[in-house]
């Protein structure tokens, strides 16, 4: 079952995506990688039925994407 402390997976997803970007992945593909990594975490890490793993994995990947996008928007200078 998904526990509150499993939210710590989101920064891990951000870290994995950052590794991909430093390895040469174009930034525009980072949301797709985040969702894919979230799905992998959901499928491999959680111990529930498969439907819940997929939904939670998507939620984690999309949350990581939103966290990255939101923090990027806050830190960018307004033109």
PDB file of N, CA and C in Angstrom:
ATOM      1  N   UNK A   1       0.837  -1.178   0.000  1.00  0.00           N
ATOM      2  CA  UNK A   1       0.000   0.000   0.000  1.00  0.00           C
ATOM      3  C   UNK A   1       0.880   1.238   0.000  1.00  0.00           C
ATOM      4  N   UNK A   2       0.386   2.301  -0.575  1.00  0.00           N
ATOM      5  CA  UNK A   2       1.113   3.558  -0.661  1.00  0.00           C
ATOM      6  C   UNK A   2       1.041   4.275   0.678  1.00  0.00           C
ATOM      7  N   UNK A   3       2.180   4.643   1.206  1.00  0.00           N
ATOM      8  CA  UNK A   3       2.256   5.340   2.479  1.00  0.00           C
ATOM      9  C   UNK A   3       2.706   6.778   2.252  1.00  0.00           C
ATOM     10  N   UNK A   4       2.480   7.615   3.241  1.00  0.00           N
ATOM     11  CA  UNK A   4       2.837   9.025   3.123  1.00  0.00           C
ATOM     12  C   UNK A   4       4.341   9.190   2.890  1.00  0.00           C
ATOM     13  N   UNK A   5       5.161   8.392   3.516  1.00  0.00           N
ATOM     14  CA  UNK A   5       6.601   8.544   3.356  1.00  0.00           C
ATOM     15  C   UNK A   5       7.072   8.123   1.961  1.00  0.00           C
ATOM     16  N   UNK A   6       6.220   7.474   1.194  1.00  0.00           N
ATOM     17  CA  UNK A   6       6.590   7.133  -0.182  1.00  0.00           C
ATOM     18  C   UNK A   6       6.649   8.356  -1.090  1.00  0.00           C
ATOM     19  N   UNK A   7       6.161   9.495  -0.604  1.00  0.00           N
ATOM     20  CA  UNK A   7       6.266  10.749  -1.350  1.00  0.00           C
ATOM     21  C   UNK A   7       7.740  11.099  -1.558  1.00  0.00           C
ATOM     22  N   UNK A   8       8.622  10.569  -0.744  1.00  0.00           N
ATOM     23  CA  UNK A   8      10.060  10.807  -0.900  1.00  0.00           C
ATOM     24  C   UNK A   8      10.577  10.277  -2.229  1.00  0.00           C
ATOM     25  N   UNK A   9       9.786   9.504  -2.935  1.00  0.00           N
ATOM     26  CA  UNK A   9      10.188   9.006  -4.249  1.00  0.00           C
ATOM     27  C   UNK A   9      10.264  10.154  -5.259  1.00  0.00           C
ATOM     28  N   UNK A  10       9.458  11.197  -5.058  1.00  0.00           N
ATOM     29  CA  UNK A  10       9.420  12.303  -6.023  1.00  0.00           C
ATOM     30  C   UNK A  10      10.791  12.960  -6.175  1.00  0.00           C
ATOM     31  N   UNK A  11      11.497  13.328  -5.097  1.00  0.00           N
ATOM     32  CA  UNK A  11      12.839  13.877  -5.297  1.00  0.00           C
ATOM     33  C   UNK A  11      13.803  12.874  -5.942  1.00  0.00           C
ATOM     34  N   UNK A  12      13.607  11.593  -5.685  1.00  0.00           N
ATOM     35  CA  UNK A  12      14.442  10.585  -6.346  1.00  0.00           C
ATOM     36  C   UNK A  12      14.209  10.605  -7.854  1.00  0.00           C
ATOM     37  N   UNK A  13      12.964  10.741  -8.257  1.00  0.00           N
ATOM     38  CA  UNK A  13      12.647  10.834  -9.686  1.00  0.00           C
ATOM     39  C   UNK A  13      13.308  12.071 -10.279  1.00  0.00           C
ATOM     40  N   UNK A  14      13.245  13.189  -9.564  1.00  0.00           N
ATOM     41  CA  UNK A  14      13.911  14.408 -10.046  1.00  0.00           C
ATOM     42  C   UNK A  14      15.406  14.177 -10.217  1.00  0.00           C
ATOM     43  N   UNK A  15      16.010  13.476  -9.282  1.00  0.00           N
ATOM     44  CA  UNK A  15      17.437  13.185  -9.378  1.00  0.00           C
ATOM     45  C   UNK A  15      17.769  12.312 -10.574  1.00  0.00           C
ATOM     46  N   UNK A  16      16.954  11.306 -10.832  1.00  0.00           N
ATOM     47  CA  UNK A  16      17.189  10.427 -11.983  1.00  0.00           C
ATOM     48  C   UNK A  16      17.042  11.202 -13.283  1.00  0.00           C
ATOM     49  N   UNK A  17      16.031  12.065 -13.351  1.00  0.00           N
ATOM     50  CA  UNK A  17      15.830  12.880 -14.558  1.00  0.00           C
ATOM     51  C   UNK A  17      17.016  13.821 -14.751  1.00  0.00           C
ATOM     52  N   UNK A  18      17.511  14.381 -13.665  1.00  0.00           N
ATOM     53  CA  UNK A  18      18.678  15.271 -13.763  1.00  0.00           C
ATOM     54  C   UNK A  18      19.896  14.514 -14.289  1.00  0.00           C
ATOM     55  N   UNK A  19      20.062  13.271 -13.865  1.00  0.00           N
ATOM     56  CA  UNK A  19      21.162  12.457 -14.396  1.00  0.00           C
ATOM     57  C   UNK A  19      21.021  12.247 -15.903  1.00  0.00           C
ATOM     58  N   UNK A  20      19.792  11.994 -16.350  1.00  0.00           N
ATOM     59  CA  UNK A  20      19.551  11.833 -17.785  1.00  0.00           C
ATOM     60  C   UNK A  20      19.875  13.123 -18.541  1.00  0.00           C
ATOM     61  N   UNK A  21      19.478  14.275 -17.968  1.00  0.00           N
ATOM     62  CA  UNK A  21      19.744  15.556 -18.628  1.00  0.00           C
ATOM     63  C   UNK A  21      21.248  15.822 -18.708  1.00  0.00           C
ATOM     64  N   UNK A  22      21.951  15.526 -17.650  1.00  0.00           N
ATOM     65  CA  UNK A  22      23.413  15.717 -17.679  1.00  0.00           C
ATOM     66  C   UNK A  22      24.093  14.732 -18.617  1.00  0.00           C
ATOM     67  N   UNK A  23      23.417  13.618 -18.892  1.00  0.00           N
ATOM     68  CA  UNK A  23      23.932  12.632 -19.845  1.00  0.00           C
ATOM     69  C   UNK A  23      23.635  12.992 -21.292  1.00  0.00           C
ATOM     70  N   UNK A  24      22.921  14.108 -21.510  1.00  0.00           N
ATOM     71  CA  UNK A  24      22.681  14.563 -22.867  1.00  0.00           C
ATOM     72  C   UNK A  24      21.229  14.564 -23.310  1.00  0.00           C
ATOM     73  N   UNK A  25      20.310  14.186 -22.431  1.00  0.00           N
ATOM     74  CA  UNK A  25      18.899  14.202 -22.790  1.00  0.00           C
ATOM     75  C   UNK A  25      18.428  15.640 -22.976  1.00  0.00           C
ATOM     76  N   UNK A  26      17.777  15.956 -24.111  1.00  0.00           N
ATOM     77  CA  UNK A  26      17.220  17.307 -24.267  1.00  0.00           C
ATOM     78  C   UNK A  26      16.172  17.591 -23.187  1.00  0.00           C
ATOM     79  N   UNK A  27      16.167  18.807 -22.682  1.00  0.00           N
ATOM     80  CA  UNK A  27      15.289  19.195 -21.576  1.00  0.00           C
ATOM     81  C   UNK A  27      13.821  18.979 -21.922  1.00  0.00           C
ATOM     82  N   UNK A  28      13.464  19.132 -23.185  1.00  0.00           N
ATOM     83  CA  UNK A  28      12.051  19.007 -23.557  1.00  0.00           C
ATOM     84  C   UNK A  28      11.518  17.590 -23.352  1.00  0.00           C
ATOM     85  N   UNK A  29      12.403  16.603 -23.247  1.00  0.00           N
ATOM     86  CA  UNK A  29      11.973  15.222 -23.021  1.00  0.00           C
ATOM     87  C   UNK A  29      11.960  14.823 -21.552  1.00  0.00           C
ATOM     88  N   UNK A  30      12.384  15.703 -20.668  1.00  0.00           N
ATOM     89  CA  UNK A  30      12.472  15.358 -19.256  1.00  0.00           C
ATOM     90  C   UNK A  30      11.115  15.011 -18.627  1.00  0.00           C
ATOM     91  N   UNK A  31       9.986  15.649 -19.008  1.00  0.00           N
ATOM     92  CA  UNK A  31       8.710  15.212 -18.423  1.00  0.00           C
ATOM     93  C   UNK A  31       8.358  13.762 -18.770  1.00  0.00           C
ATOM     94  N   UNK A  32       8.692  13.329 -19.979  1.00  0.00           N
ATOM     95  CA  UNK A  32       8.409  11.951 -20.383  1.00  0.00           C
ATOM     96  C   UNK A  32       9.264  10.971 -19.586  1.00  0.00           C
ATOM     97  N   UNK A  33      10.506  11.343 -19.343  1.00  0.00           N
ATOM     98  CA  UNK A  33      11.388  10.494 -18.546  1.00  0.00           C
ATOM     99  C   UNK A  33      10.876  10.432 -17.103  1.00  0.00           C
ATOM    100  N   UNK A  34      10.415  11.571 -16.577  1.00  0.00           N
ATOM    101  CA  UNK A  34       9.899  11.599 -15.204  1.00  0.00           C
ATOM    102  C   UNK A  34       8.688  10.684 -15.058  1.00  0.00           C
ATOM    103  N   UNK A  35       7.787  10.723 -16.023  1.00  0.00           N
ATOM    104  CA  UNK A  35       6.611   9.858 -15.957  1.00  0.00           C
ATOM    105  C   UNK A  35       7.022   8.391 -16.093  1.00  0.00           C
ATOM    106  N   UNK A  36       7.966   8.115 -16.976  1.00  0.00           N
ATOM    107  CA  UNK A  36       8.445   6.742 -17.148  1.00  0.00           C
ATOM    108  C   UNK A  36       9.119   6.210 -15.897  1.00  0.00           C
ATOM    109  N   UNK A  37       9.944   7.029 -15.285  1.00  0.00           N
ATOM    110  CA  UNK A  37      10.616   6.613 -14.051  1.00  0.00           C
ATOM    111  C   UNK A  37       9.596   6.447 -12.928  1.00  0.00           C
ATOM    112  N   UNK A  38       8.598   7.337 -12.884  1.00  0.00           N
ATOM    113  CA  UNK A  38       7.536   7.197 -11.892  1.00  0.00           C
ATOM    114  C   UNK A  38       6.783   5.888 -12.057  1.00  0.00           C
ATOM    115  N   UNK A  39       6.503   5.534 -13.294  1.00  0.00           N
ATOM    116  CA  UNK A  39       5.843   4.249 -13.555  1.00  0.00           C
ATOM    117  C   UNK A  39       6.715   3.084 -13.105  1.00  0.00           C
ATOM    118  N   UNK A  40       8.004   3.164 -13.387  1.00  0.00           N
ATOM    119  CA  UNK A  40       8.912   2.090 -12.960  1.00  0.00           C
ATOM    120  C   UNK A  40       8.932   1.953 -11.442  1.00  0.00           C
ATOM    121  N   UNK A  41       9.028   3.093 -10.744  1.00  0.00           N
ATOM    122  CA  UNK A  41       8.996   3.043  -9.286  1.00  0.00           C
ATOM    123  C   UNK A  41       7.687   2.440  -8.807  1.00  0.00           C
ATOM    124  N   UNK A  42       6.584   2.858  -9.424  1.00  0.00           N
ATOM    125  CA  UNK A  42       5.287   2.329  -9.019  1.00  0.00           C
ATOM    126  C   UNK A  42       5.185   0.829  -9.233  1.00  0.00           C
ATOM    127  N   UNK A  43       5.664   0.370 -10.372  1.00  0.00           N
ATOM    128  CA  UNK A  43       5.555  -1.048 -10.698  1.00  0.00           C
ATOM    129  C   UNK A  43       6.513  -1.918  -9.895  1.00  0.00           C
ATOM    130  N   UNK A  44       7.719  -1.415  -9.648  1.00  0.00           N
ATOM    131  CA  UNK A  44       8.736  -2.234  -9.001  1.00  0.00           C
ATOM    132  C   UNK A  44       8.798  -2.076  -7.476  1.00  0.00           C
ATOM    133  N   UNK A  45       8.415  -0.920  -6.976  1.00  0.00           N
ATOM    134  CA  UNK A  45       8.598  -0.636  -5.554  1.00  0.00           C
ATOM    135  C   UNK A  45       7.354  -0.940  -4.720  1.00  0.00           C
ATOM    136  N   UNK A  46       6.186  -0.621  -5.241  1.00  0.00           N
ATOM    137  CA  UNK A  46       4.971  -0.764  -4.451  1.00  0.00           C
ATOM    138  C   UNK A  46       4.496  -2.209  -4.409  1.00  0.00           C
ATOM    139  N   UNK A  47       3.783  -2.527  -3.357  1.00  0.00           N
ATOM    140  CA  UNK A  47       3.294  -3.884  -3.171  1.00  0.00           C
ATOM    141  C   UNK A  47       1.760  -3.871  -3.102  1.00  0.00           C
ATOM    142  N   UNK A  48       1.142  -3.540  -4.244  1.00  0.00           N
ATOM    143  CA  UNK A  48      -0.317  -3.533  -4.350  1.00  0.00           C
ATOM    144  C   UNK A  48      -0.697  -4.202  -5.666  1.00  0.00           C
ATOM    145  N   UNK A  49      -1.964  -4.139  -6.011  1.00  0.00           N
ATOM    146  CA  UNK A  49      -2.349  -4.712  -7.294  1.00  0.00           C
ATOM    147  C   UNK A  49      -1.883  -3.803  -8.428  1.00  0.00           C
ATOM    148  N   UNK A  50      -1.785  -4.350  -9.612  1.00  0.00           N
ATOM    149  CA  UNK A  50      -1.140  -3.689 -10.740  1.00  0.00           C
ATOM    150  C   UNK A  50      -1.799  -2.360 -11.111  1.00  0.00           C
ATOM    151  N   UNK A  51      -3.130  -2.264 -11.030  1.00  0.00           N
ATOM    152  CA  UNK A  51      -3.810  -1.010 -11.372  1.00  0.00           C
ATOM    153  C   UNK A  51      -3.370   0.117 -10.449  1.00  0.00           C
ATOM    154  N   UNK A  52      -3.277  -0.184  -9.172  1.00  0.00           N
ATOM    155  CA  UNK A  52      -2.844   0.832  -8.212  1.00  0.00           C
ATOM    156  C   UNK A  52      -1.395   1.220  -8.441  1.00  0.00           C
ATOM    157  N   UNK A  53      -0.559   0.272  -8.780  1.00  0.00           N
ATOM    158  CA  UNK A  53       0.853   0.576  -9.054  1.00  0.00           C
ATOM    159  C   UNK A  53       0.978   1.536 -10.227  1.00  0.00           C
ATOM    160  N   UNK A  54       0.202   1.288 -11.279  1.00  0.00           N
ATOM    161  CA  UNK A  54       0.270   2.148 -12.463  1.00  0.00           C
ATOM    162  C   UNK A  54      -0.213   3.554 -12.136  1.00  0.00           C
ATOM    163  N   UNK A  55      -1.342   3.658 -11.450  1.00  0.00           N
ATOM    164  CA  UNK A  55      -1.893   4.977 -11.128  1.00  0.00           C
ATOM    165  C   UNK A  55      -0.964   5.746 -10.198  1.00  0.00           C
ATOM    166  N   UNK A  56      -0.446   5.094  -9.181  1.00  0.00           N
ATOM    167  CA  UNK A  56       0.453   5.766  -8.245  1.00  0.00           C
ATOM    168  C   UNK A  56       1.761   6.135  -8.949  1.00  0.00           C
ATOM    169  N   UNK A  57       2.268   5.263  -9.821  1.00  0.00           N
ATOM    170  CA  UNK A  57       3.478   5.582 -10.578  1.00  0.00           C
ATOM    171  C   UNK A  57       3.284   6.790 -11.472  1.00  0.00           C
ATOM    172  N   UNK A  58       2.133   6.863 -12.137  1.00  0.00           N
ATOM    173  CA  UNK A  58       1.836   8.049 -12.948  1.00  0.00           C
ATOM    174  C   UNK A  58       1.746   9.297 -12.086  1.00  0.00           C
ATOM    175  N   UNK A  59       1.103   9.162 -10.927  1.00  0.00           N
ATOM    176  CA  UNK A  59       0.979  10.291 -10.021  1.00  0.00           C
ATOM    177  C   UNK A  59       2.354  10.790  -9.563  1.00  0.00           C
ATOM    178  N   UNK A  60       3.239   9.871  -9.229  1.00  0.00           N
ATOM    179  CA  UNK A  60       4.581  10.269  -8.787  1.00  0.00           C
ATOM    180  C   UNK A  60       5.354  10.947  -9.905  1.00  0.00           C
ATOM    181  N   UNK A  61       5.309  10.386 -11.111  1.00  0.00           N
ATOM    182  CA  UNK A  61       6.019  10.987 -12.237  1.00  0.00           C
ATOM    183  C   UNK A  61       5.483  12.355 -12.599  1.00  0.00           C
ATOM    184  N   UNK A  62       4.163  12.488 -12.629  1.00  0.00           N
ATOM    185  CA  UNK A  62       3.568  13.785 -12.944  1.00  0.00           C
ATOM    186  C   UNK A  62       3.818  14.800 -11.836  1.00  0.00           C
ATOM    187  N   UNK A  63       3.845  14.342 -10.584  1.00  0.00           N
ATOM    188  CA  UNK A  63       4.162  15.244  -9.474  1.00  0.00           C
ATOM    189  C   UNK A  63       5.591  15.752  -9.580  1.00  0.00           C
ATOM    190  N   UNK A  64       6.502  14.881  -9.937  1.00  0.00           N
ATOM    191  CA  UNK A  64       7.896  15.297 -10.111  1.00  0.00           C
ATOM    192  C   UNK A  64       8.011  16.304 -11.246  1.00  0.00           C
ATOM    193  N   UNK A  65       7.272  16.095 -12.319  1.00  0.00           N
ATOM    194  CA  UNK A  65       7.280  17.034 -13.432  1.00  0.00           C
ATOM    195  C   UNK A  65       6.751  18.388 -12.999  1.00  0.00           C
ATOM    196  N   UNK A  66       5.655  18.391 -12.251  1.00  0.00           N
ATOM    197  CA  UNK A  66       5.081  19.645 -11.766  1.00  0.00           C
ATOM    198  C   UNK A  66       5.980  20.351 -10.781  1.00  0.00           C
ATOM    199  N   UNK A  67       6.648  19.609  -9.927  1.00  0.00           N
ATOM    200  CA  UNK A  67       7.575  20.208  -8.966  1.00  0.00           C
ATOM    201  C   UNK A  67       8.732  20.878  -9.685  1.00  0.00           C
ATOM    202  N   UNK A  68       9.269  20.215 -10.705  1.00  0.00           N
ATOM    203  CA  UNK A  68      10.362  20.785 -11.483  1.00  0.00           C
ATOM    204  C   UNK A  68       9.894  22.037 -12.208  1.00  0.00           C
ATOM    205  N   UNK A  69       8.751  21.951 -12.866  1.00  0.00           N
ATOM    206  CA  UNK A  69       8.220  23.072 -13.644  1.00  0.00           C
ATOM    207  C   UNK A  69       7.885  24.253 -12.747  1.00  0.00           C
ATOM    208  N   UNK A  70       7.259  23.974 -11.614  1.00  0.00           N
ATOM    209  CA  UNK A  70       6.892  25.050 -10.698  1.00  0.00           C
ATOM    210  C   UNK A  70       8.100  25.759 -10.121  1.00  0.00           C
ATOM    211  N   UNK A  71       9.104  25.009  -9.710  1.00  0.00           N
ATOM    212  CA  UNK A  71      10.299  25.644  -9.147  1.00  0.00           C
ATOM    213  C   UNK A  71      11.073  26.389 -10.221  1.00  0.00           C
ATOM    214  N   UNK A  72      11.053  25.892 -11.447  1.00  0.00           N
ATOM    215  CA  UNK A  72      11.728  26.585 -12.544  1.00  0.00           C
ATOM    216  C   UNK A  72      11.035  27.911 -12.829  1.00  0.00           C
ATOM    217  N   UNK A  73       9.710  27.920 -12.815  1.00  0.00           N
ATOM    218  CA  UNK A  73       8.964  29.153 -13.069  1.00  0.00           C
ATOM    219  C   UNK A  73       9.191  30.183 -11.981  1.00  0.00           C
ATOM    220  N   UNK A  74       9.346  29.751 -10.752  1.00  0.00           N
ATOM    221  CA  UNK A  74       9.568  30.678  -9.651  1.00  0.00           C
ATOM    222  C   UNK A  74      10.946  31.312  -9.747  1.00  0.00           C
ATOM    223  N   UNK A  75      11.948  30.523 -10.142  1.00  0.00           N
ATOM    224  CA  UNK A  75      13.324  31.019 -10.156  1.00  0.00           C
ATOM    225  C   UNK A  75      13.678  31.800 -11.415  1.00  0.00           C
ATOM    226  N   UNK A  76      12.874  31.694 -12.471  1.00  0.00           N
ATOM    227  CA  UNK A  76      13.170  32.430 -13.694  1.00  0.00           C
ATOM    228  C   UNK A  76      12.871  33.902 -13.491  1.00  0.00           C
ATOM    229  N   UNK A  77      13.671  34.743 -14.147  1.00  0.00           N
ATOM    230  CA  UNK A  77      13.449  36.168 -14.091  1.00  0.00           C
ATOM    231  C   UNK A  77      12.269  36.521 -14.990  1.00  0.00           C
ATOM    232  N   UNK A  78      11.465  37.460 -14.544  1.00  0.00           N
ATOM    233  CA  UNK A  78      10.354  37.928 -15.371  1.00  0.00           C
ATOM    234  C   UNK A  78      10.889  38.922 -16.382  1.00  0.00           C
ATOM    235  N   UNK A  79      10.405  38.780 -17.596  1.00  0.00           N
ATOM    236  CA  UNK A  79      10.875  39.685 -18.652  1.00  0.00           C
ATOM    237  C   UNK A  79       9.940  40.838 -18.817  1.00  0.00           C
TER     238      UNK A  79
END
